[in-house]
N, C-alpha and C. Protein backbone atom coordinates (compact mmCIF):
# COMPACT_ATOMS: atom_id res chain seq x y z
N MET A 1 0.72 -0.83 -0.01
CA MET A 1 -0.01 0.10 -0.12
C MET A 1 0.87 1.07 0.33
N SER A 2 0.62 1.96 -1.11
CA SER A 2 1.26 3.47 -1.07
C SER A 2 1.15 4.29 -0.17
N ASN A 3 1.85 5.48 0.36
CA ASN A 3 1.57 6.30 1.22
C ASN A 3 0.13 7.74 0.57
N GLN A 4 0.01 7.19 -0.69
CA GLN A 4 -1.13 8.24 -1.19
C GLN A 4 -2.51 7.37 -0.88
N GLU A 5 -2.32 5.75 -0.46
CA GLU A 5 -3.79 5.22 -0.46
C GLU A 5 -3.83 5.65 1.24
N LEU A 6 -3.13 6.03 1.72
CA LEU A 6 -3.32 5.73 3.62
C LEU A 6 -4.46 7.12 3.94
N LEU A 7 -5.31 7.29 5.14
CA LEU A 7 -6.16 8.06 5.23
C LEU A 7 -5.00 9.02 6.17
N PRO A 8 -5.81 10.19 5.74
CA PRO A 8 -4.81 10.97 6.68
C PRO A 8 -5.61 11.11 8.10
N PHE A 9 -4.65 11.75 8.90
CA PHE A 9 -4.95 11.55 10.66
C PHE A 9 -6.07 12.33 10.47
N GLU A 10 -6.67 13.31 9.86
CA GLU A 10 -8.01 14.04 9.88
C GLU A 10 -9.28 13.24 10.26
N ILE A 11 -9.01 12.02 9.48
CA ILE A 11 -10.35 11.55 9.43
C ILE A 11 -10.72 11.02 10.39
N THR A 12 -9.42 9.91 10.68
CA THR A 12 -9.23 9.74 12.16
C THR A 12 -9.94 10.50 12.96
N LEU A 13 -9.69 11.84 13.50
CA LEU A 13 -10.16 12.56 14.45
C LEU A 13 -12.15 12.91 13.90
N GLU A 14 -12.36 13.06 12.80
CA GLU A 14 -13.21 13.30 12.12
C GLU A 14 -14.52 11.63 12.59
N VAL A 15 -13.77 10.48 12.41
CA VAL A 15 -14.81 9.10 12.95
C VAL A 15 -14.77 9.33 14.39
N ARG A 16 -13.47 9.46 14.98
CA ARG A 16 -13.63 9.66 16.51
C ARG A 16 -14.60 10.74 17.27
N ASP A 17 -14.80 11.71 16.29
CA ASP A 17 -15.44 12.99 16.99
C ASP A 17 -16.84 12.93 16.34
N THR A 18 -17.35 12.42 15.37
CA THR A 18 -18.78 12.30 15.13
C THR A 18 -19.31 11.06 14.82
N CYS A 19 -18.71 9.85 15.01
CA CYS A 19 -19.34 8.55 14.86
C CYS A 19 -20.02 7.93 16.01
N LEU A 20 -21.75 8.12 15.69
CA LEU A 20 -22.44 7.71 16.79
C LEU A 20 -22.44 5.81 17.24
N CYS A 21 -21.76 5.31 16.15
CA CYS A 21 -21.64 3.79 16.72
C CYS A 21 -20.04 3.99 17.95
N LEU A 22 -19.51 4.61 17.87
CA LEU A 22 -18.04 4.62 18.53
C LEU A 22 -18.75 5.73 20.19
N HIS A 23 -19.42 6.38 19.62
CA HIS A 23 -20.26 7.14 20.92
C HIS A 23 -20.89 6.15 22.19
N LEU A 24 -21.83 5.93 20.93
CA LEU A 24 -23.02 4.92 22.12
C LEU A 24 -22.15 3.62 22.09
N GLN A 25 -21.45 2.56 21.82
CA GLN A 25 -20.46 1.96 22.23
C GLN A 25 -19.48 2.15 23.58
N ARG A 26 -18.87 3.74 23.36
CA ARG A 26 -18.37 3.87 25.01
C ARG A 26 -19.21 3.90 25.39
N ALA A 27 -20.18 4.51 25.80
CA ALA A 27 -21.41 4.94 26.52
C ALA A 27 -21.78 3.92 27.12
N ALA A 28 -22.33 3.02 26.45
CA ALA A 28 -22.77 1.59 27.07
C ALA A 28 -21.89 1.23 27.78
N ARG A 29 -20.70 0.88 27.47
CA ARG A 29 -19.96 -0.08 27.87
C ARG A 29 -19.34 0.85 29.18
N ALA A 30 -19.18 2.13 29.74
CA ALA A 30 -18.82 2.90 30.81
C ALA A 30 -20.44 2.86 31.60
N VAL A 31 -21.66 2.94 31.09
CA VAL A 31 -22.86 2.63 32.18
C VAL A 31 -22.97 1.44 32.46
N ALA A 32 -22.76 0.01 32.03
CA ALA A 32 -22.29 -1.37 32.26
C ALA A 32 -21.65 -1.67 33.33
N ARG A 33 -20.48 -0.70 33.18
CA ARG A 33 -19.57 -1.40 34.20
C ARG A 33 -20.49 -0.86 35.61
N ARG A 34 -20.64 0.74 35.39
CA ARG A 34 -21.18 1.12 36.38
C ARG A 34 -22.13 0.48 37.32
N PHE A 35 -23.44 -0.43 36.69
CA PHE A 35 -24.32 -1.43 37.16
C PHE A 35 -23.58 -2.31 37.52
N ASP A 36 -22.68 -2.88 36.63
CA ASP A 36 -21.65 -4.19 37.03
C ASP A 36 -21.42 -4.08 38.51
N VAL A 37 -20.17 -2.88 39.01
CA VAL A 37 -20.22 -2.68 40.58
C VAL A 37 -21.00 -2.24 41.36
N ALA A 38 -22.00 -1.52 41.27
CA ALA A 38 -23.52 -1.57 41.60
C ALA A 38 -24.16 -2.90 42.41
N LEU A 39 -23.83 -4.14 41.49
CA LEU A 39 -24.73 -5.18 41.57
C LEU A 39 -23.64 -6.17 41.74
N ARG A 40 -22.29 -6.01 42.50
CA ARG A 40 -21.52 -7.20 42.53
C ARG A 40 -21.76 -7.53 43.71
N PRO A 41 -22.23 -7.03 44.66
CA PRO A 41 -21.95 -7.66 45.97
C PRO A 41 -23.52 -8.31 46.17
N LEU A 42 -23.97 -8.37 45.01
CA LEU A 42 -25.25 -9.88 44.73
C LEU A 42 -24.56 -10.75 43.73
N ASP A 43 -23.17 -10.50 43.66
CA ASP A 43 -23.04 -11.23 42.57
C ASP A 43 -23.61 -11.64 40.97
N LEU A 44 -23.76 -10.41 40.75
CA LEU A 44 -25.00 -10.28 39.21
C LEU A 44 -23.96 -9.13 38.78
N THR A 45 -24.35 -9.44 37.39
CA THR A 45 -23.71 -8.42 36.36
C THR A 45 -25.04 -7.56 35.96
N ASN A 46 -25.03 -6.53 35.21
CA ASN A 46 -26.36 -5.84 34.99
C ASN A 46 -26.66 -6.76 33.27
N GLY A 47 -26.77 -7.64 32.53
CA GLY A 47 -26.79 -8.07 32.27
C GLY A 47 -27.55 -9.33 32.85
N GLN A 48 -26.40 -9.78 33.93
CA GLN A 48 -28.14 -10.91 34.54
C GLN A 48 -29.06 -10.63 35.10
N PHE A 49 -28.86 -8.85 35.39
CA PHE A 49 -29.59 -8.23 36.23
C PHE A 49 -30.93 -8.26 34.90
N SER A 50 -30.49 -7.37 33.95
CA SER A 50 -31.68 -7.16 32.84
C SER A 50 -32.16 -9.02 32.31
N LEU A 51 -31.89 -9.68 32.16
CA LEU A 51 -32.26 -11.09 31.77
C LEU A 51 -32.97 -11.65 32.89
N LEU A 52 -32.69 -11.43 34.08
CA LEU A 52 -33.71 -11.73 35.15
C LEU A 52 -34.55 -10.63 35.35
N MET A 53 -34.98 -9.75 34.93
CA MET A 53 -35.62 -8.58 34.91
C MET A 53 -36.59 -9.33 34.39
N SER A 54 -36.52 -9.36 32.39
CA SER A 54 -36.93 -9.91 31.83
C SER A 54 -37.87 -11.15 31.91
N LEU A 55 -38.09 -11.41 32.59
CA LEU A 55 -38.40 -12.48 33.21
C LEU A 55 -39.46 -12.56 34.65
N ASN A 56 -39.60 -11.61 34.93
CA ASN A 56 -40.74 -11.07 35.97
C ASN A 56 -41.98 -10.28 35.63
N ARG A 57 -42.45 -11.71 35.23
CA ARG A 57 -43.69 -11.28 34.69
C ARG A 57 -44.32 -12.29 35.16
N PRO A 58 -45.86 -12.03 34.53
CA PRO A 58 -47.12 -12.78 35.30
C PRO A 58 -47.29 -14.60 34.10
N GLU A 59 -46.80 -14.61 33.37
CA GLU A 59 -46.59 -15.74 32.92
C GLU A 59 -44.98 -15.99 32.32
N PRO A 60 -45.21 -17.44 31.80
CA PRO A 60 -43.40 -17.97 31.25
C PRO A 60 -43.13 -17.12 30.14
N ALA A 61 -41.87 -16.98 30.21
CA ALA A 61 -41.27 -16.11 28.72
C ALA A 61 -40.84 -17.17 28.30
N THR A 62 -41.27 -17.14 26.53
CA THR A 62 -40.32 -17.56 25.98
C THR A 62 -38.92 -17.57 25.53
N ILE A 63 -37.87 -18.29 24.83
CA ILE A 63 -36.94 -17.71 24.85
C ILE A 63 -36.88 -16.61 23.57
N GLY A 64 -37.86 -17.21 22.11
CA GLY A 64 -37.96 -15.84 21.52
C GLY A 64 -38.11 -14.78 22.20
N SER A 65 -39.38 -14.49 23.01
CA SER A 65 -39.60 -13.59 23.40
C SER A 65 -38.39 -12.49 24.27
N VAL A 66 -37.72 -13.16 24.90
CA VAL A 66 -36.21 -12.46 25.64
C VAL A 66 -35.42 -12.35 25.30
N SER A 67 -35.38 -13.01 24.33
CA SER A 67 -34.37 -12.48 22.90
C SER A 67 -34.59 -11.79 22.27
N ARG A 68 -36.00 -10.86 22.06
CA ARG A 68 -35.94 -9.90 21.35
C ARG A 68 -36.10 -9.03 22.01
N LEU A 69 -36.94 -8.99 23.23
CA LEU A 69 -36.50 -7.87 24.14
C LEU A 69 -35.59 -7.65 24.54
N LEU A 70 -34.15 -8.02 24.90
CA LEU A 70 -32.77 -7.70 24.88
C LEU A 70 -32.17 -7.29 23.67
N ALA A 71 -32.55 -8.15 22.51
CA ALA A 71 -32.23 -7.69 21.08
C ALA A 71 -30.40 -8.85 21.08
N MET A 72 -30.92 -9.92 21.61
CA MET A 72 -29.86 -11.23 21.63
C MET A 72 -30.15 -12.07 21.15
N ASP A 73 -29.37 -12.77 20.36
CA ASP A 73 -29.11 -13.83 19.30
C ASP A 73 -29.83 -15.10 20.60
N ARG A 74 -30.31 -16.00 20.16
CA ARG A 74 -30.63 -17.28 20.82
C ARG A 74 -29.74 -18.00 21.55
N THR A 75 -28.54 -18.04 20.76
CA THR A 75 -27.49 -18.84 20.71
C THR A 75 -26.61 -17.77 21.87
N THR A 76 -26.52 -16.90 22.30
CA THR A 76 -26.36 -15.98 23.49
C THR A 76 -27.00 -16.43 24.35
N LEU A 77 -28.19 -15.59 24.22
CA LEU A 77 -29.41 -15.94 25.27
C LEU A 77 -29.03 -17.30 26.13
N THR A 78 -29.43 -17.99 25.00
CA THR A 78 -29.41 -19.55 26.07
C THR A 78 -27.53 -20.19 26.56
N ALA A 79 -26.56 -19.23 26.12
CA ALA A 79 -25.40 -19.34 26.94
C ALA A 79 -25.87 -18.36 28.31
N ASN A 80 -26.17 -17.56 27.98
CA ASN A 80 -26.14 -16.22 29.49
C ASN A 80 -27.30 -16.94 30.33
N LEU A 81 -28.49 -17.90 29.97
CA LEU A 81 -29.58 -18.70 30.99
C LEU A 81 -28.70 -19.88 31.75
N LYS A 82 -27.68 -20.33 31.40
CA LYS A 82 -27.04 -21.42 32.13
C LYS A 82 -26.43 -21.09 33.00
N PRO A 83 -25.71 -20.19 33.48
CA PRO A 83 -24.94 -19.82 35.09
C PRO A 83 -26.32 -19.41 36.36
N LEU A 84 -27.35 -18.90 35.34
CA LEU A 84 -28.63 -18.65 36.39
C LEU A 84 -28.93 -19.51 36.77
N GLU A 85 -29.73 -20.40 35.73
CA GLU A 85 -30.10 -21.81 36.12
C GLU A 85 -29.39 -22.55 36.39
N ARG A 86 -28.24 -22.42 37.22
CA ARG A 86 -27.36 -23.45 37.83
C ARG A 86 -27.57 -22.61 38.88
N ARG A 87 -27.42 -22.02 39.34
CA ARG A 87 -27.53 -20.93 40.56
C ARG A 87 -28.82 -20.86 41.06
N GLY A 88 -29.90 -21.61 40.56
CA GLY A 88 -31.02 -22.00 40.86
C GLY A 88 -31.79 -20.65 40.66
N LEU A 89 -31.63 -19.61 40.21
CA LEU A 89 -32.15 -18.10 40.31
C LEU A 89 -33.70 -18.63 38.62
N LEU A 90 -33.97 -19.19 37.97
CA LEU A 90 -35.03 -19.07 36.92
C LEU A 90 -34.80 -21.19 36.88
N ARG A 91 -35.74 -21.39 35.73
CA ARG A 91 -36.16 -22.41 35.61
C ARG A 91 -36.23 -22.90 34.30
N VAL A 92 -35.73 -23.64 33.42
CA VAL A 92 -36.13 -24.01 31.55
C VAL A 92 -36.83 -24.55 31.65
N VAL A 93 -37.58 -24.70 30.94
CA VAL A 93 -39.24 -26.08 31.15
C VAL A 93 -39.60 -25.81 29.61
N THR A 94 -39.55 -27.41 29.19
CA THR A 94 -40.25 -27.67 27.64
C THR A 94 -41.39 -27.78 27.56
N ASP A 95 -42.27 -26.53 26.62
CA ASP A 95 -43.49 -26.36 26.42
C ASP A 95 -44.45 -27.76 25.94
N PRO A 96 -45.09 -28.09 27.08
CA PRO A 96 -45.66 -29.54 26.79
C PRO A 96 -46.38 -29.95 25.56
N ALA A 97 -46.79 -28.48 25.02
CA ALA A 97 -47.74 -28.40 23.41
C ALA A 97 -46.67 -28.69 22.50
N ASP A 98 -45.55 -27.77 22.69
CA ASP A 98 -44.37 -27.79 21.70
C ASP A 98 -43.19 -28.41 21.97
N ARG A 99 -42.94 -29.27 21.91
CA ARG A 99 -41.19 -29.75 22.44
C ARG A 99 -40.13 -29.02 22.32
N ARG A 100 -40.31 -28.20 20.71
CA ARG A 100 -39.39 -27.59 20.65
C ARG A 100 -39.30 -26.16 21.63
N SER A 101 -39.96 -25.77 22.12
CA SER A 101 -40.14 -24.20 22.57
C SER A 101 -40.04 -24.23 24.39
N ARG A 102 -38.99 -23.56 24.41
CA ARG A 102 -38.98 -23.45 26.31
C ARG A 102 -39.47 -22.34 26.76
N HIS A 103 -39.99 -22.90 27.71
CA HIS A 103 -40.86 -21.43 28.75
C HIS A 103 -39.43 -21.33 30.00
N LEU A 104 -39.10 -19.75 30.45
CA LEU A 104 -38.11 -19.46 31.50
C LEU A 104 -39.17 -18.78 32.27
N THR A 105 -39.20 -19.34 33.55
CA THR A 105 -39.32 -18.42 34.97
C THR A 105 -38.29 -18.63 35.97
N LEU A 106 -38.76 -17.32 36.79
CA LEU A 106 -37.80 -17.27 38.16
C LEU A 106 -38.41 -17.88 38.93
N THR A 107 -37.30 -18.37 39.69
CA THR A 107 -37.67 -19.67 41.06
C THR A 107 -37.65 -18.14 42.12
N PRO A 108 -38.34 -18.69 43.28
CA PRO A 108 -38.56 -17.71 44.48
C PRO A 108 -36.67 -17.73 44.89
N LEU A 109 -36.26 -17.68 44.55
CA LEU A 109 -35.08 -17.40 44.86
C LEU A 109 -34.67 -16.39 43.96
N GLY A 110 -34.88 -16.56 42.68
CA GLY A 110 -34.78 -14.95 41.83
C GLY A 110 -35.10 -14.30 42.00
N HIS A 111 -36.54 -14.44 42.17
CA HIS A 111 -37.76 -13.19 42.74
C HIS A 111 -36.96 -12.63 44.07
N ARG A 112 -36.73 -13.18 44.59
CA ARG A 112 -35.84 -12.76 46.39
C ARG A 112 -34.51 -11.76 45.88
N LEU A 113 -33.55 -12.51 44.98
CA LEU A 113 -32.30 -11.66 44.29
C LEU A 113 -32.88 -10.68 43.79
N LEU A 114 -33.75 -10.73 42.84
CA LEU A 114 -34.31 -9.03 41.99
C LEU A 114 -34.72 -8.38 42.84
N ALA A 115 -35.89 -8.86 43.56
CA ALA A 115 -36.37 -7.76 45.02
C ALA A 115 -34.45 -7.03 45.48
N ALA A 116 -33.69 -8.01 46.18
CA ALA A 116 -32.53 -7.16 46.70
C ALA A 116 -31.56 -6.51 45.92
N ALA A 117 -31.68 -6.23 44.74
CA ALA A 117 -31.00 -5.90 43.57
C ALA A 117 -31.71 -4.52 42.80
N LEU A 118 -32.70 -4.26 43.19
CA LEU A 118 -33.77 -3.33 42.94
C LEU A 118 -33.35 -2.35 43.80
N PRO A 119 -33.05 -1.81 44.61
CA PRO A 119 -32.54 -0.78 45.31
C PRO A 119 -30.99 -0.06 44.68
N LEU A 120 -30.25 -1.11 44.97
CA LEU A 120 -28.98 -0.45 44.30
C LEU A 120 -29.17 -0.35 42.63
N TRP A 121 -29.83 -0.85 41.82
CA TRP A 121 -30.18 -0.60 40.27
C TRP A 121 -30.88 0.71 40.71
N ARG A 122 -31.69 0.67 41.40
CA ARG A 122 -32.23 1.94 41.79
C ARG A 122 -31.28 3.17 41.47
N GLN A 123 -30.83 3.18 42.58
CA GLN A 123 -29.96 4.06 43.45
C GLN A 123 -28.35 4.43 42.14
N GLU A 124 -27.95 3.51 41.40
CA GLU A 124 -27.36 3.76 40.47
C GLU A 124 -28.04 3.83 39.55
N HIS A 125 -28.90 3.68 38.42
CA HIS A 125 -29.96 4.65 37.56
C HIS A 125 -30.09 5.69 38.09
N ALA A 126 -30.25 6.14 39.22
CA ALA A 126 -30.27 7.72 39.40
C ALA A 126 -29.46 8.42 39.36
N ALA A 127 -27.98 8.04 39.63
CA ALA A 127 -26.86 8.68 39.63
C ALA A 127 -26.38 8.58 38.30
N VAL A 128 -26.88 7.84 37.27
CA VAL A 128 -26.32 7.82 35.84
C VAL A 128 -27.73 8.97 34.96
N ASP A 129 -28.80 8.84 35.72
CA ASP A 129 -29.78 9.99 34.90
C ASP A 129 -29.32 11.26 35.13
N ARG A 130 -28.58 11.28 36.50
CA ARG A 130 -28.30 12.93 36.74
C ARG A 130 -27.23 13.03 36.06
N ARG A 131 -26.41 12.32 35.78
CA ARG A 131 -25.00 12.86 34.83
C ARG A 131 -25.51 13.11 33.17
N VAL A 132 -26.53 12.25 32.65
CA VAL A 132 -27.25 12.75 31.23
C VAL A 132 -27.43 13.87 30.76
N SER A 133 -28.75 14.33 30.86
CA SER A 133 -29.07 15.32 30.80
C SER A 133 -30.06 15.81 31.54
N PRO A 134 -31.01 17.03 31.45
CA PRO A 134 -32.47 16.92 31.89
C PRO A 134 -32.97 16.54 31.28
N ASP A 135 -33.19 16.45 30.25
CA ASP A 135 -34.20 15.42 29.30
C ASP A 135 -33.74 13.92 28.84
N SER A 136 -33.21 12.99 30.04
CA SER A 136 -33.15 11.83 29.85
C SER A 136 -34.29 10.91 29.21
N ASP A 137 -35.13 11.19 29.86
CA ASP A 137 -36.59 10.97 28.65
C ASP A 137 -36.64 11.07 27.47
N ARG A 138 -35.98 11.96 26.93
CA ARG A 138 -35.73 12.10 25.39
C ARG A 138 -34.83 11.49 24.74
N LEU A 139 -33.09 11.12 25.50
CA LEU A 139 -32.54 9.96 25.27
C LEU A 139 -32.76 8.60 25.24
N ARG A 140 -33.79 8.27 26.22
CA ARG A 140 -34.05 7.04 26.20
C ARG A 140 -35.32 6.73 24.75
N ALA A 141 -35.85 7.79 24.98
CA ALA A 141 -36.80 7.16 23.44
C ALA A 141 -35.63 7.37 22.53
N ASP A 142 -35.07 8.13 22.10
CA ASP A 142 -34.26 8.46 20.94
C ASP A 142 -33.34 6.70 20.82
N LEU A 143 -32.77 6.38 21.89
CA LEU A 143 -32.21 4.99 21.98
C LEU A 143 -33.30 3.89 21.45
N ARG A 144 -33.96 3.74 21.78
CA ARG A 144 -35.60 2.96 21.41
C ARG A 144 -35.81 3.39 20.55
N ALA A 145 -35.71 4.32 19.52
CA ALA A 145 -36.00 4.29 17.88
C ALA A 145 -34.62 4.05 17.27
N LEU A 146 -33.57 3.98 17.54
CA LEU A 146 -32.31 3.18 17.25
C LEU A 146 -32.35 1.51 17.30
N ALA A 147 -32.82 1.08 18.23
CA ALA A 147 -32.87 -0.44 18.45
C ALA A 147 -34.44 -0.54 17.54
């Protein structure tokens, strides 16, 4: 590759300063780390908290519905379910009407852990919300639009 084919450094600066993908990834990692730290006393990650919270519903969830909610492919979701299932926080049950389908439910231990995690999440969420802007509802709406 000749020197003439190299991008000028100014392009790197342009991408660094304007790339929404880069800024969203950086912000997501920073926020995820904050919630990981907040939930660490309960031996939970932010992803595990979100996964467990997605199961807090009146009827059992399907892998497909949770996969869509968390924007996670089924294979990754299944891998993330296993350690939580081993901890006794959720159950994966085969649907008797369709043996290919799996239903996910929180166990009583999973419900108790979520109840213990909620105050930690609320505290950290309030701290993040204060740092975002006076219009964090608008940011949430914009992020939902992107998803």
